[in-house]
């Protein structure tokens, strides 16, 4: 048979579109043509596949005209993930393996020149796409990639280390692999092919302990509220006051990840090539440098890849030196903070990535950093302070729920104070408050919209009057008022209160103070 079909998947965002690798062998001038909107790294598969087949001791049809089509033709294909299906298609078309046995399987893997299989990015995203669409198929991947794909419940994933591991599973009955002396040395061990199952239990997540931070009772309270309600947080304080130390310990306060959350987060990391099995079920923390561009934060490229905000999905996005980021990078955060998704549109394609992260930002109050400090005098002029704080636009600050000041800790308190409350004990309160909210409304308080706020953040008469006065005196927008109400609902949840009272609103109001200038 001179025509064979092998199934694979291309990645476009979190969607894993089906790709049929069509291979045709014909008489004519010997050539190897690859078509189907393939990027450069896919076109280079011609040389990798040729060498891998020959070095594995198999026969490459050098005397044939080979045409490989990656269908559909208008879907961009990138990376070396199509090496394995192309090689299998050539072997099937030349009669070295049985084409009918390939049915019900999907393949992805990059080939080395010796025939070894190298891992590919997006393996977990492929398995997750098959799972969510209810497609029952066997997924054949390099051994390292199969480990992450097997994390998807109900998936049937097989891992292989060498091209021959795969070939021997699809050879005609009674056929044998090449047995020449040179090929015997290169032939992989018999355990190179195996079905891969997820680990029985995930390791316990490891986070830095908040007990390491001495003092800062007010800041720790704000972190607890932010974790309980899913709120974003901005910390303002002088250099060395402990902002970064607090921010780095925030992820440990969040409730444990569900399997669905872990799969979504890991799928994005797999797309970016940064997935690590050691971080499975750990809340991701992304901390881009302040020189990062807007594209690095939101994602981009062709085809589009996830940025830092998507890699923080169901986790924490840390922004140290917040005003030092480029204005375009900061403004790009506005829509994802509001909607929880980012759509990257290009001329031919568009991709959507999830961005349900919690923003924890830290900044100095002025260029020198010592505005309002009791330790050092500020050297900045009012104009310098105003320009520095103006780097953060009003619409962006409006979308950040909690604004707090982090004062410096004295040397005596730093040395003599006992360890603070541990992350575990604070997380217990956070989990209880989050469960209270989930039972009431099905989601965290941060996700409440206008009608749901009126229903679930119901105020008594005294609290209602308090909000009226605060909004009028502080000049709040409608968004600011709603965000204060959502924070007040979280404060009430932490206290176990059914309704929102004055004491809850009063605490929420103090977390929306404007920057000092």
Protein backbone atom coordinates (compact mmCIF):
# COMPACT_ATOMS: atom_id res chain seq x y z
CA UNK A 1 0.00 0.00 0.00
CA UNK A 2 1.47 3.38 -1.02
CA UNK A 3 -0.82 5.60 1.07
CA UNK A 4 -1.05 5.68 4.87
CA UNK A 5 -2.82 7.85 7.44
CA UNK A 6 -1.52 8.54 10.96
CA UNK A 7 -3.31 10.66 13.57
CA UNK A 8 -1.66 13.37 15.64
CA UNK A 9 -2.48 16.72 17.29
CA UNK A 10 -1.43 20.34 16.75
CA UNK A 11 -1.53 22.90 19.55
CA UNK A 12 -3.33 26.24 19.26
CA UNK A 13 -3.81 27.66 22.70
CA UNK A 14 -5.23 24.98 24.95
CA UNK A 15 -7.03 23.47 21.98
CA UNK A 16 -5.37 20.37 20.55
CA UNK A 17 -6.72 20.24 17.01
CA UNK A 18 -6.68 16.90 15.22
CA UNK A 19 -4.07 16.53 12.46
CA UNK A 20 -4.00 13.71 9.93
CA UNK A 21 -0.52 12.90 8.65
CA UNK A 22 -1.00 11.60 5.10
CA UNK A 23 1.98 9.87 3.49
CA UNK A 24 2.05 8.86 -0.18
CA UNK A 25 4.83 6.93 -1.91
CA UNK A 26 4.93 7.10 -5.71
CA UNK A 27 7.24 6.23 -8.55
CA UNK A 28 9.16 9.13 -9.98
CA UNK A 29 12.16 11.29 -9.27
CA UNK A 30 13.20 10.51 -5.65
CA UNK A 31 12.19 13.38 -3.33
CA UNK A 32 10.75 14.11 0.07
CA UNK A 33 8.08 16.86 0.09
CA UNK A 34 6.27 18.06 3.22
CA UNK A 35 3.19 20.30 2.88
CA UNK A 36 0.42 21.57 5.17
CA UNK A 37 1.36 25.02 6.56
CA UNK A 38 4.38 23.65 8.43
CA UNK A 39 6.79 25.89 10.34
CA UNK A 40 10.53 25.60 9.79
CA UNK A 41 11.08 23.10 12.61
CA UNK A 42 8.41 20.82 11.10
CA UNK A 43 9.98 20.99 7.64
CA UNK A 44 13.31 19.98 9.16
CA UNK A 45 11.64 16.70 10.13
CA UNK A 46 12.59 15.38 6.68
CA UNK A 47 16.22 15.00 7.69
CA UNK A 48 15.49 13.79 11.23
CA UNK A 49 13.04 11.15 10.03
CA UNK A 50 15.33 9.91 7.25
CA UNK A 51 18.30 9.48 9.61
CA UNK A 52 16.19 7.97 12.42
CA UNK A 53 14.70 5.31 10.15
CA UNK A 54 18.04 4.37 8.64
CA UNK A 55 19.93 4.33 11.96
CA UNK A 56 17.22 2.14 13.48
CA UNK A 57 17.96 -0.50 10.85
CA UNK A 58 14.71 0.03 8.98
CA UNK A 59 14.38 0.68 5.26
CA UNK A 60 13.90 4.25 4.05
CA UNK A 61 12.34 4.36 0.53
CA UNK A 62 15.10 6.42 -1.10
CA UNK A 63 13.95 5.41 -4.59
CA UNK A 64 10.43 6.79 -4.14
CA UNK A 65 8.76 10.16 -4.40
CA UNK A 66 7.52 10.84 -0.85
CA UNK A 67 4.76 13.38 -0.21
CA UNK A 68 3.69 14.11 3.38
CA UNK A 69 0.58 16.23 3.93
CA UNK A 70 -0.37 17.56 7.35
CA UNK A 71 -4.14 18.08 7.15
CA UNK A 72 -6.00 20.38 7.58
CA UNK A 73 -3.83 22.54 5.37
CA UNK A 74 -4.85 25.88 6.93
CA UNK A 75 -3.89 24.93 10.52
CA UNK A 76 -0.39 26.08 11.55
CA UNK A 77 1.92 23.28 12.75
CA UNK A 78 5.05 23.87 14.78
CA UNK A 79 7.70 22.00 16.82
CA UNK A 80 9.13 18.54 16.24
CA UNK A 81 6.02 16.74 17.51
CA UNK A 82 5.20 15.37 14.04
CA UNK A 83 8.49 13.47 13.59
CA UNK A 84 7.11 10.21 15.01
CA UNK A 85 3.82 10.17 13.04
CA UNK A 86 5.67 11.06 9.81
CA UNK A 87 8.14 8.22 10.36
CA UNK A 88 5.33 5.77 11.09
CA UNK A 89 3.44 6.95 8.02
CA UNK A 90 6.46 6.29 5.79
CA UNK A 91 6.96 2.83 7.31
CA UNK A 92 3.27 2.01 6.90
CA UNK A 93 3.17 3.22 3.29
CA UNK A 94 6.23 1.13 2.48
CA UNK A 95 4.72 -2.00 4.08
CA UNK A 96 7.14 -2.30 7.02
CA UNK A 97 4.36 -1.90 9.59
CA UNK A 98 0.66 -2.73 9.30
CA UNK A 99 -1.46 0.42 8.65
CA UNK A 100 -4.63 -1.10 10.07
CA UNK A 101 -3.00 -1.47 13.49
CA UNK A 102 -2.41 2.28 13.68
CA UNK A 103 -6.16 2.95 13.90
CA UNK A 104 -7.27 4.09 17.35
CA UNK A 105 -3.88 5.58 18.17
CA UNK A 106 -2.55 9.14 18.13
CA UNK A 107 1.17 9.86 18.05
CA UNK A 108 3.48 12.75 18.91
CA UNK A 109 7.21 12.82 19.47
CA UNK A 110 10.46 14.32 18.26
CA UNK A 111 13.08 11.96 16.84
CA UNK A 112 16.82 12.17 17.31
CA UNK A 113 19.05 11.06 14.44
CA UNK A 114 19.57 7.73 16.20
CA UNK A 115 15.84 7.10 16.56
CA UNK A 116 15.55 8.02 20.24
CA UNK A 117 12.30 9.79 21.16
CA UNK A 118 12.60 13.22 22.73
CA UNK A 119 9.85 14.86 24.81
CA UNK A 120 7.51 17.42 23.29
CA UNK A 121 5.75 20.33 24.93
CA UNK A 122 1.98 20.30 25.34
CA UNK A 123 1.59 16.58 26.01
CA UNK A 124 -0.71 17.19 28.97
CA UNK A 125 -2.71 19.71 26.95
CA UNK A 126 -3.23 17.05 24.27
CA UNK A 127 -4.46 14.49 26.79
CA UNK A 128 -6.70 17.05 28.50
CA UNK A 129 -8.28 18.07 25.17
CA UNK A 130 -9.06 14.42 24.40
CA UNK A 131 -10.53 13.96 27.88
CA UNK A 132 -12.76 17.06 27.80
CA UNK A 133 -14.09 16.14 24.34
CA UNK A 134 -14.76 12.54 25.32
CA UNK A 135 -12.49 11.11 22.59
CA UNK A 136 -11.36 7.56 23.39
CA UNK A 137 -7.97 6.91 21.83
CA UNK A 138 -4.54 5.58 22.74
CA UNK A 139 -1.95 8.34 22.99
CA UNK A 140 1.62 7.29 22.16
CA UNK A 141 4.31 9.71 23.37
CA UNK A 142 7.96 9.83 24.37
CA UNK A 143 8.42 8.36 27.85
CA UNK A 144 9.06 11.73 29.54
CA UNK A 145 6.00 13.35 27.92
CA UNK A 146 3.82 10.32 28.70
CA UNK A 147 4.40 10.86 32.43
CA UNK A 148 2.65 14.23 32.36
CA UNK A 149 -0.10 13.19 29.92
CA UNK A 150 -1.00 10.26 32.21
CA UNK A 151 -2.06 12.73 34.92
CA UNK A 152 -5.35 13.23 33.07
CA UNK A 153 -7.95 10.88 34.61
CA UNK A 154 -9.09 8.05 32.36
CA UNK A 155 -6.43 8.64 29.73
CA UNK A 156 -4.77 5.70 27.96
CA UNK A 157 -1.19 6.78 27.45
CA UNK A 158 1.77 4.74 26.25
CA UNK A 159 5.38 5.82 26.55
CA UNK A 160 8.24 4.77 24.28
CA UNK A 161 11.96 5.50 24.34
CA UNK A 162 12.94 4.63 20.77
CA UNK A 163 11.37 4.45 17.33
CA UNK A 164 11.81 0.67 17.35
CA UNK A 165 9.74 0.44 20.56
CA UNK A 166 6.81 1.83 18.60
CA UNK A 167 7.49 -0.01 15.35
CA UNK A 168 7.53 -3.46 16.92
CA UNK A 169 3.97 -2.92 18.20
CA UNK A 170 2.60 -2.38 14.70
CA UNK A 171 4.59 -4.86 12.60
CA UNK A 172 2.76 -7.55 10.58
CA UNK A 173 2.23 -10.81 12.41
CA UNK A 174 5.34 -12.97 12.27
CA UNK A 175 7.63 -10.13 11.20
CA UNK A 176 10.73 -9.33 13.26
CA UNK A 177 12.87 -6.28 13.85
CA UNK A 178 16.21 -6.03 12.05
CA UNK A 179 18.77 -8.33 13.66
CA UNK A 180 22.03 -7.16 12.14
CA UNK A 181 24.95 -6.72 14.50
CA UNK A 182 24.91 -2.95 14.27
CA UNK A 183 21.15 -2.81 14.78
CA UNK A 184 21.33 -5.16 17.78
CA UNK A 185 23.55 -2.64 19.51
CA UNK A 186 21.13 0.17 18.74
CA UNK A 187 17.93 -1.76 19.46
CA UNK A 188 16.35 -0.50 22.71
CA UNK A 189 15.60 -2.61 25.76
CA UNK A 190 12.35 -4.57 25.73
CA UNK A 191 10.85 -2.35 28.44
CA UNK A 192 11.06 0.72 26.21
CA UNK A 193 7.28 0.54 25.59
CA UNK A 194 4.86 0.66 28.49
CA UNK A 195 1.48 2.00 29.44
CA UNK A 196 1.97 4.90 31.82
CA UNK A 197 -0.27 5.46 34.83
CA UNK A 198 -0.49 8.51 37.06
CA UNK A 199 1.24 8.36 40.41
CA UNK A 200 -0.95 6.97 43.19
CA UNK A 201 -0.61 10.11 45.32
CA UNK A 202 0.77 13.57 44.68
CA UNK A 203 3.54 14.80 46.97
CA UNK A 204 2.48 17.32 49.60
CA UNK A 205 2.84 20.88 48.28
CA UNK A 206 5.86 22.75 49.61
CA UNK A 207 5.53 26.46 50.37
CA UNK A 208 7.59 28.90 52.39
CA UNK A 209 6.14 29.47 55.88
CA UNK A 210 4.64 32.81 56.85
CA UNK A 211 5.95 32.23 60.38
CA UNK A 212 9.33 33.39 59.07
CA UNK A 213 7.95 36.93 58.80
CA UNK A 214 8.11 38.79 62.11
CA UNK A 215 5.70 41.59 62.85
CA UNK A 216 3.44 42.89 60.07
CA UNK A 217 0.19 41.78 61.70
CA UNK A 218 -1.80 44.13 59.46
CA UNK A 219 -0.15 42.90 56.27
CA UNK A 220 -0.68 39.27 57.27
CA UNK A 221 -4.35 40.01 57.88
CA UNK A 222 -4.61 41.50 54.39
CA UNK A 223 -2.94 38.42 52.90
CA UNK A 224 -5.45 36.22 54.72
CA UNK A 225 -8.38 38.22 53.34
CA UNK A 226 -6.92 38.18 49.82
CA UNK A 227 -6.46 34.40 49.95
CA UNK A 228 -9.94 33.76 51.37
CA UNK A 229 -11.75 35.82 48.76
CA UNK A 230 -9.44 35.49 45.74
CA UNK A 231 -8.66 39.23 45.81
CA UNK A 232 -5.74 41.05 44.21
CA UNK A 233 -3.36 42.93 46.51
CA UNK A 234 -0.98 45.91 46.30
CA UNK A 235 1.63 46.42 49.03
CA UNK A 236 3.34 49.80 49.41
CA UNK A 237 6.36 50.21 51.66
CA UNK A 238 9.95 51.34 51.92
CA UNK A 239 12.86 49.17 50.74
CA UNK A 240 13.53 46.19 53.01
CA UNK A 241 10.22 46.40 54.85
CA UNK A 242 9.31 42.78 53.99
CA UNK A 243 7.00 43.18 50.98
CA UNK A 244 8.77 40.56 48.87
CA UNK A 245 9.00 38.13 51.78
CA UNK A 246 5.27 38.42 52.39
CA UNK A 247 4.44 38.07 48.69
CA UNK A 248 6.55 34.95 48.25
CA UNK A 249 4.61 33.20 51.01
CA UNK A 250 1.17 34.09 49.74
CA UNK A 251 0.66 30.96 47.62
CA UNK A 252 0.85 28.77 50.73
CA UNK A 253 -2.26 30.45 52.15
CA UNK A 254 -4.46 29.45 49.22
CA UNK A 255 -6.74 26.41 49.50
CA UNK A 256 -5.38 23.12 48.10
CA UNK A 257 -5.83 22.72 44.37
CA UNK A 258 -8.58 20.50 43.03
CA UNK A 259 -7.65 17.98 40.34
CA UNK A 260 -9.41 20.06 37.67
CA UNK A 261 -7.53 23.20 38.72
CA UNK A 262 -4.24 21.31 38.77
CA UNK A 263 -4.89 19.91 35.29
CA UNK A 264 -5.70 23.32 33.82
CA UNK A 265 -2.64 24.90 35.43
CA UNK A 266 -0.38 22.03 34.38
CA UNK A 267 -1.73 22.11 30.81
CA UNK A 268 -0.70 25.75 30.45
CA UNK A 269 2.73 24.97 31.88
CA UNK A 270 3.01 22.05 29.46
CA UNK A 271 2.24 24.36 26.54
CA UNK A 272 5.03 26.68 27.67
CA UNK A 273 7.41 23.74 28.18
CA UNK A 274 7.81 24.49 31.88
CA UNK A 275 5.81 21.64 33.45
CA UNK A 276 7.51 19.78 36.29
CA UNK A 277 6.06 16.70 37.95
CA UNK A 278 7.60 17.87 41.23
CA UNK A 279 5.25 20.89 41.16
CA UNK A 280 2.09 18.85 40.51
CA UNK A 281 -0.80 20.07 42.73
CA UNK A 282 1.28 23.09 43.80
CA UNK A 283 -0.17 26.54 43.23
CA UNK A 284 2.02 28.14 40.52
CA UNK A 285 3.81 31.37 41.33
CA UNK A 286 4.99 33.49 38.42
CA UNK A 287 7.31 36.41 39.18
CA UNK A 288 8.37 38.14 35.93
CA UNK A 289 11.17 40.70 36.03
CA UNK A 290 10.11 44.32 35.74
CA UNK A 291 11.84 44.58 32.33
CA UNK A 292 9.34 42.06 30.88
CA UNK A 293 7.40 43.27 27.86
CA UNK A 294 3.65 43.21 27.41
CA UNK A 295 3.97 40.21 25.06
CA UNK A 296 5.98 38.30 27.67
CA UNK A 297 3.21 38.91 30.20
CA UNK A 298 0.09 38.23 28.14
CA UNK A 299 1.56 35.83 25.58
CA UNK A 300 2.04 36.00 21.84
CA UNK A 301 4.04 34.68 18.95
CA UNK A 302 2.94 32.69 15.95
CA UNK A 303 1.36 30.36 16.79
CA UNK A 304 0.46 32.09 20.09
CA UNK A 305 1.99 30.79 23.32
CA UNK A 306 0.93 31.54 26.90
CA UNK A 307 2.53 34.40 28.78
CA UNK A 308 3.38 34.84 32.44
CA UNK A 309 -0.18 35.68 33.47
CA UNK A 310 -1.48 32.42 31.97
CA UNK A 311 1.32 30.42 33.58
CA UNK A 312 0.05 31.82 36.90
CA UNK A 313 -3.44 30.38 36.22
CA UNK A 314 -5.01 29.20 39.52
CA UNK A 315 -1.92 30.58 41.26
CA UNK A 316 -0.18 33.84 42.03
CA UNK A 317 1.31 36.51 39.78
CA UNK A 318 3.98 38.44 41.70
CA UNK A 319 4.93 41.90 40.48
CA UNK A 320 7.86 43.28 42.41
CA UNK A 321 8.78 46.92 41.67
CA UNK A 322 5.31 47.40 40.22
CA UNK A 323 5.73 50.94 38.78
CA UNK A 324 9.00 49.95 37.06
CA UNK A 325 7.15 47.78 34.53
CA UNK A 326 6.52 49.32 31.13
CA UNK A 327 3.22 51.19 30.97
CA UNK A 328 1.99 48.94 28.15
CA UNK A 329 2.76 45.83 30.23
CA UNK A 330 0.83 47.17 33.21
CA UNK A 331 -2.19 48.24 31.18
CA UNK A 332 -2.30 44.79 29.57
CA UNK A 333 -3.29 43.40 32.99
CA UNK A 334 -6.57 45.29 33.11
CA UNK A 335 -8.80 42.98 31.06
CA UNK A 336 -7.37 39.68 32.40
CA UNK A 337 -7.92 40.88 35.98
CA UNK A 338 -11.55 41.53 35.13
CA UNK A 339 -12.42 38.59 32.84
CA UNK A 340 -10.06 35.76 33.79
CA UNK A 341 -9.11 35.07 30.15
CA UNK A 342 -6.83 36.59 27.51
CA UNK A 343 -7.47 36.34 23.77
CA UNK A 344 -4.43 36.70 21.52
CA UNK A 345 -5.47 37.55 17.97
CA UNK A 346 -3.18 37.28 14.96
CA UNK A 347 -3.87 37.77 11.26
CA UNK A 348 -4.72 34.13 10.61
CA UNK A 349 -5.38 32.67 14.06
CA UNK A 350 -6.61 33.54 17.51
CA UNK A 351 -5.99 31.69 20.75
CA UNK A 352 -7.57 32.03 24.18
CA UNK A 353 -5.70 31.30 27.40
CA UNK A 354 -7.07 31.22 30.97
CA UNK A 355 -5.78 33.88 33.38
CA UNK A 356 -7.49 33.30 36.72
CA UNK A 357 -4.56 34.40 38.82
CA UNK A 358 -4.25 36.46 41.97
CA UNK A 359 -2.12 39.55 41.52
CA UNK A 360 0.19 40.40 44.41
CA UNK A 361 2.13 43.56 43.61
CA UNK A 362 4.74 45.43 45.64
CA UNK A 363 6.11 48.92 45.21
CA UNK A 364 7.94 51.74 46.94
CA UNK A 365 5.93 54.90 47.69
CA UNK A 366 8.39 57.15 45.84
CA UNK A 367 11.56 56.94 43.71
CA UNK A 368 13.92 56.91 46.71
CA UNK A 369 11.53 54.64 48.60
CA UNK A 370 11.41 56.47 51.93
CA UNK A 371 8.28 58.62 51.71
CA UNK A 372 6.66 58.47 55.16
CA UNK A 373 9.53 56.44 56.64
CA UNK A 374 10.48 56.82 60.31
CA UNK A 375 14.00 55.57 59.59
CA UNK A 376 15.19 57.81 56.77
CA UNK A 377 14.12 61.09 55.26
CA UNK A 378 12.63 61.15 51.78
CA UNK A 379 14.74 63.05 49.24
CA UNK A 380 12.11 63.21 46.49
CA UNK A 381 10.32 66.37 45.38
CA UNK A 382 6.51 66.42 45.24
CA UNK A 383 6.71 66.42 41.45
CA UNK A 384 8.94 63.32 41.42
CA UNK A 385 6.59 61.52 43.80
CA UNK A 386 3.57 62.45 41.69
CA UNK A 387 5.20 61.25 38.46
CA UNK A 388 6.32 57.99 40.07
CA UNK A 389 2.90 57.12 41.46
CA UNK A 390 1.23 58.22 38.20
CA UNK A 391 2.92 55.29 36.45
CA UNK A 392 0.03 53.27 37.85
CA UNK A 393 -3.13 54.38 36.09
CA UNK A 394 -6.41 54.90 37.88
CA UNK A 395 -8.21 52.12 35.96
CA UNK A 396 -5.50 49.62 36.93
CA UNK A 397 -5.52 50.60 40.63
CA UNK A 398 -9.31 50.46 40.53
CA UNK A 399 -9.10 46.76 39.65
CA UNK A 400 -6.88 45.90 42.63
CA UNK A 401 -9.05 45.03 45.62
CA UNK A 402 -6.67 45.61 48.52
CA UNK A 403 -4.16 48.45 48.92
CA UNK A 404 -2.05 48.29 52.09
CA UNK A 405 1.02 49.93 53.56
CA UNK A 406 3.84 47.73 54.82
CA UNK A 407 5.90 49.71 57.37
CA UNK A 408 9.48 48.83 58.23
CA UNK A 409 10.17 46.51 61.17
CA UNK A 410 12.54 47.80 63.84
CA UNK A 411 15.79 45.96 64.55
CA UNK A 412 14.59 45.05 68.06
CA UNK A 413 11.37 43.50 66.76
CA UNK A 414 13.24 41.72 63.99
CA UNK A 415 15.66 40.08 66.43
CA UNK A 416 13.61 39.60 69.60
CA UNK A 417 10.10 38.90 68.32
CA UNK A 418 9.01 35.22 68.37
CA UNK A 419 7.99 33.51 65.10
CA UNK A 420 4.61 34.60 63.79
CA UNK A 421 1.55 32.50 63.08
CA UNK A 422 2.27 29.63 60.71
CA UNK A 423 0.97 29.33 57.18
CA UNK A 424 -0.92 26.14 58.08
CA UNK A 425 -3.04 27.76 60.79
CA UNK A 426 -3.91 30.77 58.62
CA UNK A 427 -4.71 28.49 55.68
CA UNK A 428 -7.19 26.58 57.84
CA UNK A 429 -9.20 29.79 58.33
CA UNK A 430 -8.87 30.63 54.64
CA UNK A 431 -10.20 27.20 53.60
CA UNK A 432 -13.16 27.50 55.99
CA UNK A 433 -14.07 30.95 54.65
CA UNK A 434 -13.67 29.81 51.03
CA UNK A 435 -15.94 26.80 51.67
CA UNK A 436 -18.51 29.13 53.25
CA UNK A 437 -18.51 31.22 50.06
CA UNK A 438 -18.64 28.20 47.74
CA UNK A 439 -21.66 26.75 49.53
CA UNK A 440 -23.43 30.10 49.37
CA UNK A 441 -22.71 31.22 45.81
CA UNK A 442 -20.63 28.54 44.07
CA UNK A 443 -17.46 30.61 43.68
CA UNK A 444 -15.04 32.95 45.46
CA UNK A 445 -16.18 36.43 46.44
CA UNK A 446 -13.85 38.08 43.94
CA UNK A 447 -15.86 36.53 41.10
CA UNK A 448 -19.19 38.06 42.22
CA UNK A 449 -20.83 40.27 39.62
CA UNK A 450 -23.30 43.10 40.09
CA UNK A 451 -26.49 41.12 40.70
CA UNK A 452 -24.72 38.52 42.83
CA UNK A 453 -23.13 41.28 44.94
CA UNK A 454 -26.56 42.68 45.75
CA UNK A 455 -27.75 39.21 46.71
CA UNK A 456 -24.83 37.76 48.65
CA UNK A 457 -23.14 40.87 50.07
CA UNK A 458 -26.36 42.13 51.62
CA UNK A 459 -25.74 45.02 54.04
CA UNK A 460 -27.69 45.93 57.14
CA UNK A 461 -28.92 49.53 57.45
CA UNK A 462 -25.92 50.77 59.43
CA UNK A 463 -23.43 49.18 57.03
CA UNK A 464 -25.30 50.61 54.05
CA UNK A 465 -25.04 54.16 55.42
CA UNK A 466 -21.36 53.60 56.19
CA UNK A 467 -20.70 52.61 52.55
CA UNK A 468 -22.62 55.65 51.26
CA UNK A 469 -20.45 58.02 53.31
CA UNK A 470 -17.18 56.27 52.50
CA UNK A 471 -17.84 56.21 48.75
CA UNK A 472 -18.79 59.90 48.73
CA UNK A 473 -15.82 61.09 50.79
CA UNK A 474 -13.21 58.92 49.04
CA UNK A 475 -14.57 59.52 45.54
CA UNK A 476 -15.03 55.85 44.69
CA UNK A 477 -16.12 54.70 41.27
CA UNK A 478 -18.83 52.07 40.88
CA UNK A 479 -16.10 49.45 40.43
CA UNK A 480 -14.31 50.56 43.61
CA UNK A 481 -17.56 50.39 45.57
CA UNK A 482 -18.32 46.88 44.34
CA UNK A 483 -14.81 45.70 45.11
CA UNK A 484 -15.03 47.09 48.64
CA UNK A 485 -18.31 45.23 49.11
CA UNK A 486 -16.71 41.98 47.92
CA UNK A 487 -13.83 42.45 50.37
CA UNK A 488 -16.35 43.15 53.15
CA UNK A 489 -18.14 39.90 52.23
CA UNK A 490 -14.84 38.05 52.63
CA UNK A 491 -14.18 39.67 56.00
CA UNK A 492 -17.63 38.54 57.12
CA UNK A 493 -16.91 35.00 55.87
CA UNK A 494 -13.70 34.86 57.90
CA UNK A 495 -15.74 35.88 60.93
CA UNK A 496 -18.42 33.28 60.15
CA UNK A 497 -21.11 35.97 59.80
CA UNK A 498 -24.16 35.44 57.61
CA UNK A 499 -24.63 39.15 56.83
CA UNK A 500 -22.22 42.00 56.27
CA UNK A 501 -22.12 44.48 59.13
CA UNK A 502 -20.49 47.83 59.86
CA UNK A 503 -17.38 46.23 61.35
CA UNK A 504 -16.80 44.23 58.17
CA UNK A 505 -17.33 47.21 55.89
CA UNK A 506 -15.08 49.41 58.04
CA UNK A 507 -12.21 46.96 57.71
CA UNK A 508 -12.75 46.68 53.94
CA UNK A 509 -12.71 50.47 53.55
CA UNK A 510 -9.27 50.83 55.09
CA UNK A 511 -7.86 48.49 52.44
CA UNK A 512 -8.74 50.90 49.63
CA UNK A 513 -6.75 53.90 50.73
CA UNK A 514 -5.14 55.85 47.91
CA UNK A 515 -1.39 56.13 47.55
CA UNK A 516 0.18 58.91 49.60
CA UNK A 517 1.48 61.85 47.63
